[in-house]
Amino acid sequence: MLIPVRCFTCGNLIADKFKEYQSRVKGGEDPGKVLDSFGFKRYCCRSMILTSVETIHQVIPFYEAIKRREQEVRSELE
């Protein structure tokens, strides 16, 4: 997970609630009400949760492609 641990502006802890937020929103709950239930009243904390994207799933294919290419080059040199 690449979500910040704390809010950059106020320092409120936010990372521990991110997975629950995602599961509840995917379950059909209103995102605003979910954030209210966590106690996120400040705009800075709410924006940190709403705009966070898990980029690891986008990066992994590139990493795997680089590793495959390294193996191909090694096998060609042998």
C-alpha atoms as a PDB file:
ATOM      1  CA  MET A   1       0.000   0.000   0.000  1.00  0.00           C
ATOM      2  CA  LEU A   2       1.419   3.372  -0.938  1.00  0.00           C
ATOM      3  CA  ILE A   3      -0.995   5.584   0.938  1.00  0.00           C
ATOM      4  CA  PRO A   4       0.644   8.096   3.290  1.00  0.00           C
ATOM      5  CA  VAL A   5       0.622   7.048   6.923  1.00  0.00           C
ATOM      6  CA  ARG A   6      -0.343  10.504   8.148  1.00  0.00           C
ATOM      7  CA  CYS A   7      -2.060  13.501   6.620  1.00  0.00           C
ATOM      8  CA  PHE A   8       0.557  15.863   5.189  1.00  0.00           C
ATOM      9  CA  THR A   9      -1.218  18.930   6.537  1.00  0.00           C
ATOM     10  CA  CYS A  10      -2.457  18.114  10.042  1.00  0.00           C
ATOM     11  CA  GLY A  11      -0.613  14.882  10.876  1.00  0.00           C
ATOM     12  CA  ASN A  12      -3.761  12.856  11.536  1.00  0.00           C
ATOM     13  CA  LEU A  13      -3.298   9.083  11.180  1.00  0.00           C
ATOM     14  CA  ILE A  14      -5.081   7.927   8.007  1.00  0.00           C
ATOM     15  CA  ALA A  15      -3.380   4.806   6.595  1.00  0.00           C
ATOM     16  CA  ASP A  16      -4.918   2.405   9.091  1.00  0.00           C
ATOM     17  CA  LYS A  17      -8.415   3.200   7.817  1.00  0.00           C
ATOM     18  CA  PHE A  18      -7.755   3.018   4.073  1.00  0.00           C
ATOM     19  CA  LYS A  19      -8.521  -0.679   3.496  1.00  0.00           C
ATOM     20  CA  GLU A  20     -11.736  -0.495   5.491  1.00  0.00           C
ATOM     21  CA  TYR A  21     -12.703   2.636   3.547  1.00  0.00           C
ATOM     22  CA  GLN A  22     -12.156   0.831   0.240  1.00  0.00           C
ATOM     23  CA  SER A  23     -14.117  -2.234   1.275  1.00  0.00           C
ATOM     24  CA  ARG A  24     -17.053  -0.211   2.588  1.00  0.00           C
ATOM     25  CA  VAL A  25     -17.224   1.979  -0.529  1.00  0.00           C
ATOM     26  CA  LYS A  26     -17.039  -1.096  -2.779  1.00  0.00           C
ATOM     27  CA  GLY A  27     -19.856  -2.517  -0.669  1.00  0.00           C
ATOM     28  CA  GLY A  28     -22.080   0.362  -1.733  1.00  0.00           C
ATOM     29  CA  GLU A  29     -21.816   2.855   1.126  1.00  0.00           C
ATOM     30  CA  ASP A  30     -21.598   6.591   0.486  1.00  0.00           C
ATOM     31  CA  PRO A  31     -17.931   7.729   0.646  1.00  0.00           C
ATOM     32  CA  GLY A  32     -18.822  10.884   2.566  1.00  0.00           C
ATOM     33  CA  LYS A  33     -20.654   8.958   5.256  1.00  0.00           C
ATOM     34  CA  VAL A  34     -17.796   6.463   5.549  1.00  0.00           C
ATOM     35  CA  LEU A  35     -15.318   9.298   6.070  1.00  0.00           C
ATOM     36  CA  ASP A  36     -17.631  10.852   8.665  1.00  0.00           C
ATOM     37  CA  SER A  37     -17.804   7.540  10.531  1.00  0.00           C
ATOM     38  CA  PHE A  38     -13.983   7.496  10.718  1.00  0.00           C
ATOM     39  CA  GLY A  39     -14.024  10.995  12.189  1.00  0.00           C
ATOM     40  CA  PHE A  40     -12.376  12.706   9.212  1.00  0.00           C
ATOM     41  CA  LYS A  41     -13.938  16.161   9.381  1.00  0.00           C
ATOM     42  CA  ARG A  42     -11.034  18.172   7.952  1.00  0.00           C
ATOM     43  CA  TYR A  43     -10.768  18.674   4.218  1.00  0.00           C
ATOM     44  CA  CYS A  44      -7.085  17.783   4.198  1.00  0.00           C
ATOM     45  CA  CYS A  45      -7.635  14.283   5.622  1.00  0.00           C
ATOM     46  CA  ARG A  46     -10.649  13.641   3.438  1.00  0.00           C
ATOM     47  CA  SER A  47      -8.746  14.634   0.304  1.00  0.00           C
ATOM     48  CA  MET A  48      -5.804  12.402   1.274  1.00  0.00           C
ATOM     49  CA  ILE A  49      -8.109   9.370   1.472  1.00  0.00           C
ATOM     50  CA  LEU A  50     -10.165  10.235  -1.607  1.00  0.00           C
ATOM     51  CA  THR A  51      -7.205  10.938  -3.894  1.00  0.00           C
ATOM     52  CA  SER A  52      -4.938   8.064  -2.838  1.00  0.00           C
ATOM     53  CA  VAL A  53      -4.368   5.446  -5.516  1.00  0.00           C
ATOM     54  CA  GLU A  54      -2.658   2.119  -5.052  1.00  0.00           C
ATOM     55  CA  THR A  55      -0.001   2.359  -7.751  1.00  0.00           C
ATOM     56  CA  ILE A  56       1.786  -0.861  -6.862  1.00  0.00           C
ATOM     57  CA  HIS A  57      -0.501  -2.834  -9.173  1.00  0.00           C
ATOM     58  CA  GLN A  58       0.511  -0.541 -12.028  1.00  0.00           C
ATOM     59  CA  VAL A  59       4.244  -0.807 -11.264  1.00  0.00           C
ATOM     60  CA  ILE A  60       4.543  -4.587 -10.830  1.00  0.00           C
ATOM     61  CA  PRO A  61       4.131  -5.479 -14.561  1.00  0.00           C
ATOM     62  CA  PHE A  62       7.048  -3.183 -15.468  1.00  0.00           C
ATOM     63  CA  TYR A  63       9.227  -4.719 -12.768  1.00  0.00           C
ATOM     64  CA  GLU A  64       8.394  -8.216 -13.979  1.00  0.00           C
ATOM     65  CA  ALA A  65       9.131  -7.225 -17.603  1.00  0.00           C
ATOM     66  CA  ILE A  66      12.552  -5.886 -16.593  1.00  0.00           C
ATOM     67  CA  LYS A  67      13.365  -9.100 -14.733  1.00  0.00           C
ATOM     68  CA  ARG A  68      12.295 -11.213 -17.742  1.00  0.00           C
ATOM     69  CA  ARG A  69      14.443  -9.121 -20.070  1.00  0.00           C
ATOM     70  CA  GLU A  70      17.453  -9.486 -17.754  1.00  0.00           C
ATOM     71  CA  GLN A  71      17.017 -13.257 -17.818  1.00  0.00           C
ATOM     72  CA  GLU A  72      16.768 -13.248 -21.627  1.00  0.00           C
ATOM     73  CA  VAL A  73      19.972 -11.240 -21.938  1.00  0.00           C
ATOM     74  CA  ARG A  74      21.796 -13.537 -19.521  1.00  0.00           C
ATOM     75  CA  SER A  75      20.671 -16.620 -21.441  1.00  0.00           C
ATOM     76  CA  GLU A  76      21.794 -15.054 -24.752  1.00  0.00           C
ATOM     77  CA  LEU A  77      25.242 -14.272 -23.332  1.00  0.00           C
ATOM     78  CA  GLU A  78      25.777 -17.812 -22.095  1.00  0.00           C
END
